[in-house]
Amino acid sequence: MRLAPMIVPNRLIDGLARTLLGLVFLHALFGKLTGFSAVAARISAKGLPFAPLLLAAAMLLLAVGALLLISGWQSRLGALLLLIFLIPTSLIFHGEITDPGERIQLLKNVAIIGGLLLVANQPTAERQALRTGG
C-alpha cells in the first residue's frame, strides 16, 4: 500500500508546532503575572533568595522565549531561553518523583524539553542552504 504524499507544507507544520509549544509558556507567563505574590511566595518557600527578582527574570525568559519561538524569528534562541527557564524549574519545583502528581508534571516538562531541543536543533536558513546546496 502506498501512502499519499504530504499535503501540508513542512513550514506550516513547523509553525504550528512552535505555536503549540509557545502557548504553554505564554499560559505560564499569564499565571505568573496574575499571581505574582503567590508565585514569589512559592519560590521563597523553596529556600531561594530574591524571589521577586527571580520571578521577574523567569517571566522575562518566558515572554521573550515564547514570542521568539512562536514568531519563528530566532526560534532557536527562543527555545534556548525557554530551556534555561524550564530545566531548573522542573528540577526545583517538580523534582519530588515519589509524589505521583509531581512525577507527572516532571515527565510532562521532560516531553516539552524534548520539543524545545528539536526546535533548538533546527538548522538556520544559512545552514539549511549549505546543507542543500542552495
N, C-alpha and C. Protein backbone atom coordinates (compact mmCIF):
# COMPACT_ATOMS: atom_id res chain seq x y z
N MET A 1 0.84 -1.17 0.00
CA MET A 1 0.00 0.00 0.00
C MET A 1 0.89 1.24 0.00
N ARG A 2 0.58 2.17 -0.87
CA ARG A 2 1.37 3.39 -0.99
C ARG A 2 0.69 4.52 -0.21
N LEU A 3 1.50 5.28 0.53
CA LEU A 3 0.96 6.38 1.30
C LEU A 3 0.83 7.62 0.43
N ALA A 4 -0.18 8.42 0.70
CA ALA A 4 -0.39 9.66 -0.04
C ALA A 4 0.72 10.64 0.30
N PRO A 5 1.11 11.49 -0.66
CA PRO A 5 2.15 12.48 -0.37
C PRO A 5 1.66 13.49 0.67
N MET A 6 2.62 14.10 1.35
CA MET A 6 2.29 15.10 2.37
C MET A 6 1.63 16.30 1.71
N ILE A 7 0.45 16.67 2.18
CA ILE A 7 -0.29 17.79 1.60
C ILE A 7 0.09 19.10 2.26
N VAL A 8 0.31 19.07 3.57
CA VAL A 8 0.62 20.29 4.31
C VAL A 8 2.12 20.54 4.25
N PRO A 9 2.53 21.74 3.81
CA PRO A 9 3.96 22.04 3.74
C PRO A 9 4.62 21.97 5.12
N ASN A 10 5.88 21.55 5.11
CA ASN A 10 6.63 21.41 6.36
C ASN A 10 6.67 22.70 7.17
N ARG A 11 6.79 23.85 6.49
CA ARG A 11 6.89 25.11 7.24
C ARG A 11 5.62 25.40 8.02
N LEU A 12 4.46 24.95 7.51
CA LEU A 12 3.22 25.13 8.25
C LEU A 12 3.19 24.23 9.48
N ILE A 13 3.65 23.01 9.32
CA ILE A 13 3.73 22.09 10.46
C ILE A 13 4.70 22.64 11.50
N ASP A 14 5.85 23.13 11.05
CA ASP A 14 6.83 23.72 11.97
C ASP A 14 6.23 24.90 12.73
N GLY A 15 5.53 25.76 12.01
CA GLY A 15 4.89 26.92 12.64
C GLY A 15 3.83 26.51 13.65
N LEU A 16 3.03 25.53 13.30
CA LEU A 16 2.02 25.04 14.23
C LEU A 16 2.67 24.44 15.47
N ALA A 17 3.71 23.65 15.28
CA ALA A 17 4.40 23.03 16.41
C ALA A 17 5.01 24.09 17.32
N ARG A 18 5.65 25.10 16.75
CA ARG A 18 6.25 26.17 17.55
C ARG A 18 5.17 26.95 18.31
N THR A 19 4.04 27.18 17.65
CA THR A 19 2.95 27.91 18.30
C THR A 19 2.38 27.12 19.47
N LEU A 20 2.15 25.83 19.27
CA LEU A 20 1.62 25.00 20.35
C LEU A 20 2.58 24.95 21.54
N LEU A 21 3.87 24.82 21.26
CA LEU A 21 4.87 24.84 22.34
C LEU A 21 4.88 26.20 23.03
N GLY A 22 4.86 27.25 22.25
CA GLY A 22 4.92 28.60 22.80
C GLY A 22 3.72 28.95 23.66
N LEU A 23 2.54 28.45 23.29
CA LEU A 23 1.33 28.75 24.06
C LEU A 23 1.42 28.22 25.48
N VAL A 24 2.09 27.10 25.67
CA VAL A 24 2.30 26.56 27.02
C VAL A 24 3.02 27.59 27.89
N PHE A 25 4.02 28.24 27.33
CA PHE A 25 4.81 29.19 28.08
C PHE A 25 4.09 30.52 28.26
N LEU A 26 3.30 30.94 27.27
CA LEU A 26 2.51 32.16 27.44
C LEU A 26 1.46 31.96 28.53
N HIS A 27 0.88 30.77 28.59
CA HIS A 27 -0.07 30.47 29.66
C HIS A 27 0.62 30.52 31.02
N ALA A 28 1.81 29.97 31.11
CA ALA A 28 2.58 30.02 32.37
C ALA A 28 2.90 31.47 32.74
N LEU A 29 3.24 32.27 31.75
CA LEU A 29 3.53 33.69 31.99
C LEU A 29 2.31 34.40 32.54
N PHE A 30 1.15 34.14 31.96
CA PHE A 30 -0.10 34.76 32.42
C PHE A 30 -0.36 34.41 33.89
N GLY A 31 -0.15 33.15 34.24
CA GLY A 31 -0.33 32.72 35.63
C GLY A 31 0.61 33.43 36.58
N LYS A 32 1.82 33.68 36.14
CA LYS A 32 2.80 34.36 36.98
C LYS A 32 2.46 35.85 37.10
N LEU A 33 1.95 36.43 36.02
CA LEU A 33 1.54 37.84 36.05
C LEU A 33 0.37 38.06 37.00
N THR A 34 -0.62 37.19 36.93
CA THR A 34 -1.83 37.36 37.73
C THR A 34 -1.67 36.88 39.16
N GLY A 35 -0.68 36.06 39.42
CA GLY A 35 -0.47 35.55 40.77
C GLY A 35 0.93 35.80 41.26
N PHE A 36 1.46 36.98 40.95
CA PHE A 36 2.87 37.28 41.23
C PHE A 36 3.24 37.00 42.69
N SER A 37 2.44 37.52 43.62
CA SER A 37 2.77 37.36 45.05
C SER A 37 2.78 35.90 45.47
N ALA A 38 1.79 35.15 45.03
CA ALA A 38 1.71 33.73 45.40
C ALA A 38 2.88 32.94 44.82
N VAL A 39 3.24 33.24 43.58
CA VAL A 39 4.36 32.53 42.95
C VAL A 39 5.67 32.90 43.64
N ALA A 40 5.83 34.19 43.96
CA ALA A 40 7.04 34.62 44.67
C ALA A 40 7.13 33.93 46.04
N ALA A 41 6.00 33.76 46.71
CA ALA A 41 5.99 33.06 48.00
C ALA A 41 6.39 31.60 47.83
N ARG A 42 5.94 30.98 46.74
CA ARG A 42 6.31 29.57 46.48
C ARG A 42 7.81 29.45 46.22
N ILE A 43 8.36 30.42 45.51
CA ILE A 43 9.80 30.42 45.26
C ILE A 43 10.56 30.58 46.58
N SER A 44 10.11 31.51 47.41
CA SER A 44 10.74 31.70 48.73
C SER A 44 10.65 30.45 49.58
N ALA A 45 9.51 29.76 49.51
CA ALA A 45 9.31 28.54 50.30
C ALA A 45 10.30 27.45 49.91
N LYS A 46 10.82 27.51 48.70
CA LYS A 46 11.83 26.54 48.27
C LYS A 46 13.23 26.93 48.75
N GLY A 47 13.32 28.04 49.48
CA GLY A 47 14.60 28.47 50.03
C GLY A 47 15.44 29.29 49.08
N LEU A 48 14.86 29.75 47.99
CA LEU A 48 15.62 30.54 47.02
C LEU A 48 15.58 32.02 47.43
N PRO A 49 16.73 32.70 47.38
CA PRO A 49 16.76 34.12 47.74
C PRO A 49 16.22 35.00 46.61
N PHE A 50 15.86 36.21 46.96
CA PHE A 50 15.44 37.22 45.97
C PHE A 50 14.30 36.73 45.09
N ALA A 51 13.28 36.16 45.71
CA ALA A 51 12.19 35.54 44.96
C ALA A 51 11.54 36.48 43.94
N PRO A 52 11.21 37.73 44.29
CA PRO A 52 10.60 38.60 43.28
C PRO A 52 11.51 38.85 42.08
N LEU A 53 12.81 38.97 42.34
CA LEU A 53 13.77 39.19 41.25
C LEU A 53 13.88 37.94 40.37
N LEU A 54 13.96 36.77 41.01
CA LEU A 54 14.00 35.52 40.24
C LEU A 54 12.73 35.34 39.41
N LEU A 55 11.59 35.69 40.00
CA LEU A 55 10.33 35.57 39.27
C LEU A 55 10.29 36.52 38.09
N ALA A 56 10.75 37.75 38.28
CA ALA A 56 10.79 38.70 37.16
C ALA A 56 11.70 38.20 36.04
N ALA A 57 12.84 37.62 36.40
CA ALA A 57 13.75 37.06 35.40
C ALA A 57 13.10 35.89 34.67
N ALA A 58 12.40 35.05 35.42
CA ALA A 58 11.70 33.91 34.80
C ALA A 58 10.63 34.41 33.83
N MET A 59 9.91 35.45 34.23
CA MET A 59 8.87 36.00 33.36
C MET A 59 9.46 36.59 32.09
N LEU A 60 10.62 37.22 32.20
CA LEU A 60 11.30 37.75 31.02
C LEU A 60 11.70 36.62 30.08
N LEU A 61 12.27 35.55 30.63
CA LEU A 61 12.63 34.39 29.81
C LEU A 61 11.40 33.82 29.12
N LEU A 62 10.30 33.70 29.86
CA LEU A 62 9.06 33.16 29.29
C LEU A 62 8.54 34.04 28.16
N ALA A 63 8.47 35.34 28.40
CA ALA A 63 7.91 36.26 27.41
C ALA A 63 8.75 36.29 26.13
N VAL A 64 10.04 36.55 26.29
CA VAL A 64 10.91 36.67 25.11
C VAL A 64 11.04 35.32 24.41
N GLY A 65 11.26 34.27 25.18
CA GLY A 65 11.41 32.94 24.59
C GLY A 65 10.18 32.51 23.82
N ALA A 66 9.00 32.67 24.42
CA ALA A 66 7.77 32.25 23.75
C ALA A 66 7.51 33.07 22.49
N LEU A 67 7.72 34.38 22.56
CA LEU A 67 7.47 35.21 21.38
C LEU A 67 8.44 34.89 20.24
N LEU A 68 9.70 34.68 20.56
CA LEU A 68 10.66 34.29 19.52
C LEU A 68 10.29 32.93 18.93
N LEU A 69 9.91 32.00 19.78
CA LEU A 69 9.55 30.66 19.33
C LEU A 69 8.34 30.71 18.41
N ILE A 70 7.29 31.39 18.83
CA ILE A 70 6.06 31.44 18.04
C ILE A 70 6.26 32.19 16.73
N SER A 71 6.99 33.30 16.78
CA SER A 71 7.17 34.11 15.57
C SER A 71 8.02 33.42 14.52
N GLY A 72 8.88 32.50 14.96
CA GLY A 72 9.78 31.84 14.02
C GLY A 72 11.05 32.64 13.77
N TRP A 73 11.11 33.87 14.28
CA TRP A 73 12.31 34.69 14.16
C TRP A 73 13.20 34.38 15.35
N GLN A 74 14.39 33.89 15.11
CA GLN A 74 15.30 33.50 16.18
C GLN A 74 14.67 32.43 17.08
N SER A 75 13.95 31.49 16.46
CA SER A 75 13.25 30.47 17.25
C SER A 75 14.23 29.57 18.01
N ARG A 76 15.42 29.38 17.48
CA ARG A 76 16.41 28.58 18.21
C ARG A 76 16.81 29.29 19.51
N LEU A 77 17.00 30.60 19.45
CA LEU A 77 17.29 31.38 20.65
C LEU A 77 16.11 31.32 21.61
N GLY A 78 14.90 31.44 21.07
CA GLY A 78 13.71 31.34 21.91
C GLY A 78 13.64 30.01 22.63
N ALA A 79 13.94 28.93 21.92
CA ALA A 79 13.93 27.60 22.54
C ALA A 79 15.00 27.52 23.63
N LEU A 80 16.16 28.09 23.39
CA LEU A 80 17.23 28.09 24.39
C LEU A 80 16.80 28.86 25.65
N LEU A 81 16.19 30.02 25.47
CA LEU A 81 15.72 30.80 26.62
C LEU A 81 14.69 30.02 27.43
N LEU A 82 13.80 29.33 26.73
CA LEU A 82 12.78 28.54 27.43
C LEU A 82 13.40 27.34 28.13
N LEU A 83 14.43 26.76 27.55
CA LEU A 83 15.15 25.67 28.22
C LEU A 83 15.84 26.16 29.49
N ILE A 84 16.42 27.36 29.42
CA ILE A 84 17.06 27.95 30.59
C ILE A 84 16.05 28.14 31.72
N PHE A 85 14.81 28.45 31.36
CA PHE A 85 13.74 28.56 32.36
C PHE A 85 13.28 27.18 32.83
N LEU A 86 13.01 26.29 31.89
CA LEU A 86 12.28 25.06 32.20
C LEU A 86 13.10 24.00 32.94
N ILE A 87 14.36 23.85 32.61
CA ILE A 87 15.15 22.79 33.24
C ILE A 87 15.29 23.00 34.75
N PRO A 88 15.78 24.16 35.21
CA PRO A 88 15.86 24.31 36.67
C PRO A 88 14.49 24.34 37.35
N THR A 89 13.50 24.94 36.69
CA THR A 89 12.15 24.96 37.26
C THR A 89 11.63 23.55 37.48
N SER A 90 11.85 22.69 36.51
CA SER A 90 11.39 21.30 36.61
C SER A 90 12.06 20.59 37.77
N LEU A 91 13.36 20.77 37.90
CA LEU A 91 14.10 20.09 38.96
C LEU A 91 13.76 20.63 40.35
N ILE A 92 13.60 21.94 40.46
CA ILE A 92 13.35 22.56 41.76
C ILE A 92 11.91 22.35 42.22
N PHE A 93 10.96 22.53 41.31
CA PHE A 93 9.55 22.53 41.72
C PHE A 93 8.83 21.21 41.46
N HIS A 94 9.39 20.36 40.63
CA HIS A 94 8.72 19.09 40.31
C HIS A 94 9.65 17.90 40.46
N GLY A 95 10.71 18.06 41.22
CA GLY A 95 11.71 17.00 41.35
C GLY A 95 11.37 15.92 42.36
N GLU A 96 10.27 16.06 43.07
CA GLU A 96 9.88 15.06 44.08
C GLU A 96 9.14 13.93 43.37
N ILE A 97 9.89 12.98 42.81
CA ILE A 97 9.28 11.95 41.96
C ILE A 97 8.54 10.88 42.73
N THR A 98 8.66 10.88 44.06
CA THR A 98 7.86 9.92 44.83
C THR A 98 6.40 10.35 44.92
N ASP A 99 6.13 11.64 44.67
CA ASP A 99 4.76 12.16 44.62
C ASP A 99 4.25 11.96 43.19
N PRO A 100 3.19 11.17 43.00
CA PRO A 100 2.71 10.88 41.63
C PRO A 100 2.37 12.14 40.83
N GLY A 101 1.78 13.14 41.47
CA GLY A 101 1.44 14.37 40.77
C GLY A 101 2.66 15.11 40.28
N GLU A 102 3.67 15.20 41.13
CA GLU A 102 4.91 15.88 40.75
C GLU A 102 5.66 15.09 39.68
N ARG A 103 5.62 13.76 39.78
CA ARG A 103 6.27 12.92 38.77
C ARG A 103 5.62 13.16 37.40
N ILE A 104 4.29 13.25 37.36
CA ILE A 104 3.59 13.51 36.09
C ILE A 104 3.99 14.87 35.55
N GLN A 105 4.03 15.90 36.41
CA GLN A 105 4.44 17.23 35.96
C GLN A 105 5.86 17.21 35.42
N LEU A 106 6.75 16.51 36.12
CA LEU A 106 8.14 16.42 35.67
C LEU A 106 8.22 15.74 34.30
N LEU A 107 7.48 14.66 34.13
CA LEU A 107 7.51 13.95 32.84
C LEU A 107 6.93 14.81 31.72
N LYS A 108 5.89 15.58 32.01
CA LYS A 108 5.35 16.50 31.00
C LYS A 108 6.41 17.52 30.61
N ASN A 109 7.11 18.04 31.62
CA ASN A 109 8.16 19.01 31.32
C ASN A 109 9.30 18.38 30.53
N VAL A 110 9.62 17.13 30.83
CA VAL A 110 10.65 16.43 30.06
C VAL A 110 10.23 16.33 28.59
N ALA A 111 8.96 16.05 28.34
CA ALA A 111 8.46 15.99 26.96
C ALA A 111 8.57 17.35 26.28
N ILE A 112 8.22 18.41 27.00
CA ILE A 112 8.33 19.76 26.45
C ILE A 112 9.79 20.10 26.18
N ILE A 113 10.68 19.70 27.08
CA ILE A 113 12.12 19.91 26.87
C ILE A 113 12.55 19.22 25.57
N GLY A 114 12.04 18.03 25.33
CA GLY A 114 12.34 17.33 24.07
C GLY A 114 11.89 18.13 22.86
N GLY A 115 10.70 18.70 22.92
CA GLY A 115 10.22 19.53 21.81
C GLY A 115 11.08 20.76 21.61
N LEU A 116 11.49 21.39 22.70
CA LEU A 116 12.36 22.57 22.60
C LEU A 116 13.73 22.20 22.04
N LEU A 117 14.23 21.03 22.40
CA LEU A 117 15.52 20.58 21.84
C LEU A 117 15.41 20.35 20.33
N LEU A 118 14.26 19.85 19.88
CA LEU A 118 14.06 19.69 18.44
C LEU A 118 14.10 21.04 17.74
N VAL A 119 13.45 22.05 18.32
CA VAL A 119 13.48 23.39 17.73
C VAL A 119 14.90 23.95 17.76
N ALA A 120 15.57 23.80 18.89
CA ALA A 120 16.93 24.33 19.02
C ALA A 120 17.90 23.67 18.05
N ASN A 121 17.60 22.45 17.65
CA ASN A 121 18.47 21.71 16.73
C ASN A 121 18.13 21.97 15.26
N GLN A 122 17.06 22.72 14.99
CA GLN A 122 16.70 23.01 13.60
C GLN A 122 17.80 23.85 12.96
N PRO A 123 18.09 23.58 11.71
CA PRO A 123 19.12 24.39 11.05
C PRO A 123 18.61 25.79 10.77
N THR A 124 19.51 26.76 10.84
CA THR A 124 19.16 28.12 10.43
C THR A 124 19.02 28.13 8.92
N ALA A 125 18.49 29.22 8.38
CA ALA A 125 18.33 29.32 6.93
C ALA A 125 19.68 29.18 6.23
N GLU A 126 20.72 29.78 6.81
CA GLU A 126 22.06 29.70 6.21
C GLU A 126 22.57 28.26 6.21
N ARG A 127 22.42 27.58 7.35
CA ARG A 127 22.89 26.19 7.44
C ARG A 127 22.08 25.29 6.53
N GLN A 128 20.78 25.57 6.41
CA GLN A 128 19.94 24.77 5.53
C GLN A 128 20.38 24.95 4.07
N ALA A 129 20.71 26.18 3.68
CA ALA A 129 21.16 26.44 2.32
C ALA A 129 22.47 25.71 2.04
N LEU A 130 23.39 25.72 3.00
CA LEU A 130 24.65 25.00 2.82
C LEU A 130 24.41 23.50 2.70
N ARG A 131 23.48 23.00 3.50
CA ARG A 131 23.20 21.56 3.52
C ARG A 131 22.58 21.11 2.19
N THR A 132 21.71 21.94 1.62
CA THR A 132 21.01 21.55 0.39
C THR A 132 21.71 22.08 -0.86
N GLY A 133 22.77 22.87 -0.67
CA GLY A 133 23.49 23.39 -1.82
C GLY A 133 22.81 24.59 -2.46
N GLY A 134 21.89 25.23 -1.73
CA GLY A 134 21.12 26.36 -2.27
C GLY A 134 21.66 27.68 -1.94
